[in-house]
Amino acid sequence: MAPPKENITVLFKLYCLTVMTLVAATYTVALRYTRTVEKELYFSTTAVCITEVIKLFLSVCILAKETGSLGRLISSLNENILGSPMELVKLSVPSVVYALQNNMAFLALSNLDAAVYQVTYQLKIPCTALCTVLMLNRSLSKLQWFSVLMLCGGVTLVQWKPAQATKVQVEQNPWLGFGAVTIAVLCSGFAGVYFEKVLKSSDTSLWVRNIQMYLSGIVVTLGGVYISEGTQVLEKGFFYGYTYYVWFVIFLASVGGLYTSVVVKYTDNIMKGFSAAAAIVLSTVASVMLFGLQITITFALGAVLVCVSIYLYGLPRQDTTKIQPSEPKSLKERLMNV
């Protein structure tokens, strides 16, 4: 049975939008900085593993608050974790995919500027749309398909003559970076829709599902550390090259991953679209200031097309069987009607 609708204020929704935008933009720029400017390069696989550990810890804390007592928390964990091994196996699928996605993000930002990455990463929208159609049997409106094509055109322009950055101390391979982004967006689309399908197939708490996924994620990422950089980690240490900036990146990744759940619950596609577009703008400005990004005309045009396509994709659908509210005419009205 659906819980009663909570009375969420416009101020709180604006807060969600602001935080989501700042986290997305700051994470991208900070990760780029740690992979190109710092001299002692840390192991990206260990950073992904630590992120999973922190997200697991935070999810347990939130579940404890949700259950209300230590006894109910332990009972819930026994029932859904120890007593449900098949659920852990089911949630290991997105764990593997998300682990690959996160590692590809590190590889991409080692070879692409933060602004280029932010724009290109929006290809996750058509990928998610395709997975939604195939896996959840949903349909997209003509406007949404048009926005997907516009987004692909914008990303093509960005990559046609990529903006170039200076002030980096590592050799970069843009094609390798673009390939890594492509894999990352495919992983993002599939894992996101798969996790949504699992969530909506039962009444199990979101935080229980997160705990199940993060437990699998820790095992998967530890395996990734051993396979990819096991010898080097044993020689130099698990936390080799970690600085305050690296811990800051890990913190942003952890909070951002959990905060996505809050945004999905309390906001709509329009707000998420504004957030993604604003993050692109902020990343571009930061890249100009920190990395000496040289913006080309094709990059600017492509970024604008991507921002517009994100907005169009999030507009309320008119060709659906569900009853939709009348289309609001202002941002405030959109926020009031979420």
Protein backbone atom coordinates (compact mmCIF):
# COMPACT_ATOMS: atom_id res chain seq x y z
CA MET A 1 0.00 0.00 0.00
CA ALA A 2 1.38 3.38 -0.96
CA PRO A 3 2.47 5.59 1.95
CA PRO A 4 0.75 8.95 2.40
CA LYS A 5 2.18 11.72 0.30
CA GLU A 6 4.63 13.87 2.21
CA ASN A 7 4.30 17.63 2.16
CA ILE A 8 7.57 18.72 0.58
CA THR A 9 8.19 22.46 0.32
CA VAL A 10 9.52 24.33 -2.69
CA LEU A 11 12.52 25.36 -0.60
CA PHE A 12 13.45 21.73 0.04
CA LYS A 13 13.14 20.89 -3.66
CA LEU A 14 15.39 23.82 -4.54
CA TYR A 15 17.81 22.57 -1.91
CA CYS A 16 17.80 19.12 -3.59
CA LEU A 17 18.46 20.74 -6.96
CA THR A 18 21.31 22.89 -5.63
CA VAL A 19 23.05 20.09 -3.76
CA MET A 20 22.74 17.64 -6.66
CA THR A 21 24.20 20.20 -9.06
CA LEU A 22 27.12 21.11 -6.81
CA VAL A 23 27.93 17.46 -6.04
CA ALA A 24 27.92 16.47 -9.73
CA ALA A 25 30.04 19.41 -10.86
CA THR A 26 32.48 19.31 -7.93
CA TYR A 27 32.98 15.55 -8.16
CA THR A 28 33.87 15.70 -11.85
CA VAL A 29 36.31 18.59 -11.46
CA ALA A 30 37.90 17.20 -8.28
CA LEU A 31 38.34 13.74 -9.80
CA ARG A 32 39.90 15.27 -12.90
CA TYR A 33 42.30 17.21 -10.66
CA THR A 34 43.41 14.13 -8.71
CA ARG A 35 44.03 12.14 -11.92
CA THR A 36 46.00 14.77 -13.85
CA VAL A 37 47.64 17.29 -11.51
CA GLU A 38 48.87 15.33 -8.51
CA LYS A 39 52.23 13.62 -8.94
CA GLU A 40 51.70 10.44 -6.90
CA LEU A 41 48.82 8.76 -8.69
CA TYR A 42 46.62 6.69 -6.40
CA PHE A 43 44.98 3.41 -7.37
CA SER A 44 41.52 4.14 -8.76
CA THR A 45 40.28 0.62 -7.95
CA THR A 46 40.95 1.12 -4.23
CA ALA A 47 39.08 4.43 -4.31
CA VAL A 48 36.04 2.72 -5.85
CA CYS A 49 36.21 0.02 -3.15
CA ILE A 50 36.40 2.55 -0.30
CA THR A 51 33.43 4.40 -1.80
CA GLU A 52 31.36 1.20 -1.60
CA VAL A 53 32.36 0.72 2.05
CA ILE A 54 31.32 4.27 2.98
CA LYS A 55 28.00 3.95 1.12
CA LEU A 56 27.32 0.69 2.97
CA PHE A 57 28.04 2.33 6.33
CA LEU A 58 25.80 5.31 5.55
CA SER A 59 22.99 3.04 4.32
CA VAL A 60 23.11 1.02 7.55
CA CYS A 61 22.90 4.26 9.55
CA ILE A 62 19.87 5.46 7.54
CA LEU A 63 18.19 2.04 7.86
CA ALA A 64 18.78 2.18 11.62
CA LYS A 65 16.98 5.51 11.75
CA GLU A 66 14.20 4.12 9.53
CA THR A 67 13.63 1.02 11.70
CA GLY A 68 13.77 3.04 14.92
CA SER A 69 15.64 0.61 17.17
CA LEU A 70 18.72 -1.59 17.23
CA GLY A 71 16.61 -4.74 17.63
CA ARG A 72 14.51 -4.03 14.53
CA LEU A 73 17.65 -3.10 12.60
CA ILE A 74 19.30 -6.43 13.42
CA SER A 75 16.09 -8.29 12.63
CA SER A 76 15.84 -6.55 9.24
CA LEU A 77 19.46 -7.30 8.40
CA ASN A 78 19.08 -10.96 9.41
CA GLU A 79 15.94 -11.35 7.31
CA ASN A 80 17.09 -9.49 4.21
CA ILE A 81 20.84 -10.18 4.21
CA LEU A 82 21.68 -13.45 5.97
CA GLY A 83 18.27 -14.98 5.24
CA SER A 84 18.11 -13.96 1.56
CA PRO A 85 21.25 -15.17 -0.27
CA MET A 86 19.46 -15.17 -3.63
CA GLU A 87 18.65 -11.47 -3.22
CA LEU A 88 22.34 -10.80 -2.72
CA VAL A 89 23.06 -12.70 -5.92
CA LYS A 90 20.37 -10.68 -7.74
CA LEU A 91 21.87 -7.38 -6.53
CA SER A 92 25.40 -8.51 -7.47
CA VAL A 93 24.51 -7.80 -11.12
CA PRO A 94 24.26 -4.01 -10.75
CA SER A 95 27.20 -4.16 -8.32
CA VAL A 96 29.47 -5.54 -11.04
CA VAL A 97 28.17 -3.07 -13.61
CA TYR A 98 28.44 -0.05 -11.30
CA ALA A 99 31.98 -1.07 -10.32
CA LEU A 100 32.94 -1.14 -13.99
CA GLN A 101 31.21 2.21 -14.55
CA ASN A 102 33.06 3.88 -11.67
CA ASN A 103 36.42 2.61 -12.85
CA MET A 104 35.67 3.81 -16.37
CA ALA A 105 34.90 7.27 -14.94
CA PHE A 106 38.40 7.38 -13.44
CA LEU A 107 39.92 6.31 -16.76
CA ALA A 108 37.83 8.81 -18.72
CA LEU A 109 38.74 11.74 -16.49
CA SER A 110 42.40 10.79 -16.77
CA ASN A 111 42.14 11.42 -20.51
CA LEU A 112 39.32 13.98 -20.99
CA ASP A 113 38.79 17.42 -19.54
CA ALA A 114 36.07 17.70 -16.90
CA ALA A 115 33.81 19.80 -19.14
CA VAL A 116 34.16 17.43 -22.10
CA TYR A 117 33.44 14.49 -19.81
CA GLN A 118 30.35 16.14 -18.32
CA VAL A 119 28.85 16.78 -21.75
CA THR A 120 29.75 13.38 -23.18
CA TYR A 121 28.50 11.54 -20.11
CA GLN A 122 24.98 12.80 -20.86
CA LEU A 123 24.83 10.00 -23.45
CA LYS A 124 23.55 8.02 -20.47
CA ILE A 125 20.13 9.56 -21.25
CA PRO A 126 19.56 7.73 -24.57
CA CYS A 127 21.15 4.60 -23.12
CA THR A 128 18.80 4.69 -20.14
CA ALA A 129 15.87 5.41 -22.46
CA LEU A 130 16.69 2.36 -24.59
CA CYS A 131 17.07 0.12 -21.54
CA THR A 132 13.79 1.44 -20.15
CA VAL A 133 11.96 0.58 -23.37
CA LEU A 134 13.52 -2.89 -23.59
CA MET A 135 13.53 -3.92 -19.90
CA LEU A 136 10.50 -2.13 -18.44
CA ASN A 137 8.27 -2.11 -21.55
CA ARG A 138 7.74 1.62 -21.43
CA SER A 139 7.37 4.01 -24.33
CA LEU A 140 8.89 7.42 -25.05
CA SER A 141 7.14 10.42 -26.51
CA LYS A 142 8.15 11.92 -29.85
CA LEU A 143 9.63 14.90 -28.01
CA GLN A 144 11.79 12.61 -25.89
CA TRP A 145 13.11 10.76 -28.96
CA PHE A 146 13.81 14.12 -30.60
CA SER A 147 15.71 15.28 -27.51
CA VAL A 148 17.74 12.05 -27.58
CA LEU A 149 18.78 12.73 -31.19
CA MET A 150 19.60 16.34 -30.29
CA LEU A 151 21.73 15.16 -27.39
CA CYS A 152 23.68 12.75 -29.63
CA GLY A 153 24.25 15.61 -32.08
CA GLY A 154 25.51 17.85 -29.29
CA VAL A 155 27.94 15.23 -28.02
CA THR A 156 29.16 14.65 -31.59
CA LEU A 157 29.95 18.36 -31.92
CA VAL A 158 31.82 18.36 -28.64
CA GLN A 159 33.96 15.42 -29.76
CA TRP A 160 34.35 16.70 -33.34
CA LYS A 161 36.90 19.29 -32.27
CA PRO A 162 37.46 18.72 -28.55
CA ALA A 163 38.34 21.63 -26.31
CA GLN A 164 41.96 21.40 -25.23
CA ALA A 165 43.31 21.89 -21.75
CA THR A 166 46.75 22.69 -20.39
CA LYS A 167 48.14 22.45 -16.86
CA VAL A 168 48.14 18.65 -16.72
CA GLN A 169 51.13 16.49 -15.87
CA VAL A 170 50.13 13.20 -17.50
CA GLU A 171 49.92 12.05 -21.08
CA GLN A 172 46.34 11.90 -22.29
CA ASN A 173 44.55 9.85 -24.94
CA PRO A 174 41.20 11.48 -25.89
CA TRP A 175 40.03 8.44 -27.84
CA LEU A 176 40.70 6.20 -24.84
CA GLY A 177 38.79 8.68 -22.69
CA PHE A 178 35.82 8.73 -25.06
CA GLY A 179 35.82 4.93 -25.18
CA ALA A 180 35.79 4.82 -21.38
CA VAL A 181 32.85 7.26 -21.29
CA THR A 182 30.97 5.08 -23.77
CA ILE A 183 31.38 2.03 -21.55
CA ALA A 184 30.43 4.10 -18.49
CA VAL A 185 27.16 5.34 -20.04
CA LEU A 186 26.22 1.82 -21.14
CA CYS A 187 26.83 0.59 -17.60
CA SER A 188 24.90 3.51 -16.13
CA GLY A 189 21.86 2.92 -18.32
CA PHE A 190 21.66 -0.82 -17.76
CA ALA A 191 22.45 -0.83 -14.03
CA GLY A 192 20.05 2.04 -13.28
CA VAL A 193 17.11 0.41 -15.04
CA TYR A 194 17.95 -3.03 -13.62
CA PHE A 195 18.04 -1.62 -10.08
CA GLU A 196 14.75 0.21 -10.66
CA LYS A 197 13.18 -3.04 -11.82
CA VAL A 198 14.40 -4.85 -8.70
CA LEU A 199 13.14 -2.05 -6.45
CA LYS A 200 9.67 -2.03 -7.97
CA SER A 201 9.31 -5.82 -7.96
CA SER A 202 8.89 -5.87 -4.16
CA ASP A 203 8.12 -3.68 -1.15
CA THR A 204 11.61 -4.07 0.31
CA SER A 205 13.08 -0.84 1.68
CA LEU A 206 15.33 1.16 -0.62
CA TRP A 207 18.05 1.17 2.04
CA VAL A 208 17.89 -2.60 2.44
CA ARG A 209 18.35 -2.92 -1.32
CA ASN A 210 21.26 -0.50 -1.15
CA ILE A 211 22.89 -2.55 1.60
CA GLN A 212 22.45 -5.73 -0.45
CA MET A 213 24.01 -4.05 -3.47
CA TYR A 214 26.89 -2.43 -1.59
CA LEU A 215 27.82 -5.70 0.14
CA SER A 216 28.12 -7.31 -3.28
CA GLY A 217 29.90 -4.19 -4.51
CA ILE A 218 32.61 -4.46 -1.86
CA VAL A 219 33.33 -8.05 -2.85
CA VAL A 220 33.36 -7.15 -6.55
CA THR A 221 35.60 -4.09 -6.13
CA LEU A 222 38.04 -5.97 -3.89
CA GLY A 223 38.30 -8.54 -6.68
CA GLY A 224 38.96 -5.68 -9.09
CA VAL A 225 41.77 -4.38 -6.88
CA TYR A 226 43.38 -7.81 -6.77
CA ILE A 227 43.08 -8.45 -10.52
CA SER A 228 44.05 -4.98 -11.78
CA GLU A 229 46.60 -3.70 -9.29
CA GLY A 230 47.10 -6.45 -6.72
CA THR A 231 50.89 -6.58 -6.96
CA GLN A 232 51.29 -2.81 -6.80
CA VAL A 233 48.87 -2.51 -3.90
CA LEU A 234 50.80 -5.13 -1.92
CA GLU A 235 54.05 -3.31 -2.69
CA LYS A 236 52.98 0.30 -2.11
CA GLY A 237 49.95 -0.07 0.16
CA PHE A 238 46.19 0.15 -0.26
CA PHE A 239 46.11 3.89 0.38
CA TYR A 240 49.17 4.82 -1.68
CA GLY A 241 48.92 8.33 -3.13
CA TYR A 242 45.86 9.28 -1.06
CA THR A 243 45.64 12.99 -0.25
CA TYR A 244 42.93 15.20 1.19
CA TYR A 245 41.73 15.78 -2.39
CA VAL A 246 41.39 12.04 -3.00
CA TRP A 247 39.39 11.58 0.20
CA PHE A 248 37.24 14.51 -0.87
CA VAL A 249 36.51 12.78 -4.20
CA ILE A 250 35.60 9.56 -2.36
CA PHE A 251 33.32 11.51 -0.01
CA LEU A 252 31.56 13.19 -2.94
CA ALA A 253 31.10 9.86 -4.73
CA SER A 254 29.64 8.26 -1.60
CA VAL A 255 27.24 11.06 -0.74
CA GLY A 256 26.31 11.58 -4.39
CA GLY A 257 25.40 7.92 -4.79
CA LEU A 258 23.06 8.00 -1.81
CA TYR A 259 21.70 11.44 -2.58
CA THR A 260 20.47 10.20 -5.93
CA SER A 261 17.84 8.23 -4.03
CA VAL A 262 16.60 11.40 -2.34
CA VAL A 263 16.43 13.25 -5.66
CA VAL A 264 14.50 10.42 -7.32
CA LYS A 265 12.03 10.37 -4.41
CA TYR A 266 11.39 14.08 -3.99
CA THR A 267 11.99 15.67 -7.40
CA ASP A 268 11.16 15.08 -11.05
CA ASN A 269 12.94 14.81 -14.40
CA ILE A 270 12.72 18.56 -14.98
CA MET A 271 14.71 19.32 -11.85
CA LYS A 272 17.25 16.60 -12.64
CA GLY A 273 17.55 18.07 -16.12
CA PHE A 274 18.26 21.53 -14.76
CA SER A 275 20.79 19.97 -12.40
CA ALA A 276 22.65 18.17 -15.19
CA ALA A 277 22.70 21.27 -17.39
CA ALA A 278 23.91 23.49 -14.56
CA ALA A 279 26.61 20.95 -13.69
CA ILE A 280 27.89 21.16 -17.27
CA VAL A 281 28.12 24.95 -17.03
CA LEU A 282 29.87 24.85 -13.65
CA SER A 283 32.32 22.17 -14.83
CA THR A 284 33.18 24.24 -17.90
CA VAL A 285 33.81 27.37 -15.83
CA ALA A 286 35.94 25.43 -13.35
CA SER A 287 37.91 23.81 -16.18
CA VAL A 288 38.71 27.21 -17.66
CA MET A 289 39.94 28.48 -14.30
CA LEU A 290 41.80 25.38 -13.04
CA PHE A 291 43.03 23.59 -16.17
CA GLY A 292 43.25 26.35 -18.77
CA LEU A 293 40.46 24.89 -20.91
CA GLN A 294 40.27 26.48 -24.36
CA ILE A 295 36.63 26.50 -25.47
CA THR A 296 35.98 26.07 -29.19
CA ILE A 297 32.86 27.12 -31.08
CA THR A 298 31.88 23.51 -31.73
CA PHE A 299 32.29 22.68 -28.05
CA ALA A 300 30.10 25.61 -26.98
CA LEU A 301 27.40 24.77 -29.56
CA GLY A 302 27.47 21.10 -28.60
CA ALA A 303 27.18 21.92 -24.89
CA VAL A 304 24.18 24.17 -25.56
CA LEU A 305 22.45 21.42 -27.57
CA VAL A 306 23.07 18.94 -24.76
CA CYS A 307 21.62 21.29 -22.13
CA VAL A 308 18.51 21.98 -24.27
CA SER A 309 18.00 18.27 -24.97
CA ILE A 310 18.18 17.45 -21.25
CA TYR A 311 15.47 20.03 -20.58
CA LEU A 312 13.24 18.75 -23.42
CA TYR A 313 13.65 15.14 -22.30
CA GLY A 314 12.36 16.00 -18.84
CA LEU A 315 9.23 17.86 -19.96
CA PRO A 316 5.92 16.26 -18.90
CA ARG A 317 4.61 13.72 -21.39
CA GLN A 318 1.27 14.32 -23.08
CA ASP A 319 0.84 10.93 -24.78
CA THR A 320 0.39 8.70 -21.75
CA THR A 321 -2.53 6.88 -20.17
CA LYS A 322 -1.76 8.31 -16.74
CA ILE A 323 -3.49 11.49 -15.67
CA GLN A 324 -1.02 14.33 -15.91
CA PRO A 325 -1.35 17.78 -14.38
CA SER A 326 -1.56 20.72 -16.74
CA GLU A 327 1.85 21.84 -17.91
CA PRO A 328 3.20 24.54 -15.58
CA LYS A 329 4.44 27.73 -17.13
CA SER A 330 7.23 28.61 -14.72
CA LEU A 331 9.97 26.92 -12.73
CA LYS A 332 8.19 27.76 -9.48
CA GLU A 333 4.96 26.15 -10.73
CA ARG A 334 6.89 23.07 -11.86
CA LEU A 335 8.43 22.77 -8.41
CA MET A 336 5.06 23.27 -6.72
CA ASN A 337 3.49 20.49 -8.80
CA VAL A 338 6.15 17.81 -8.13
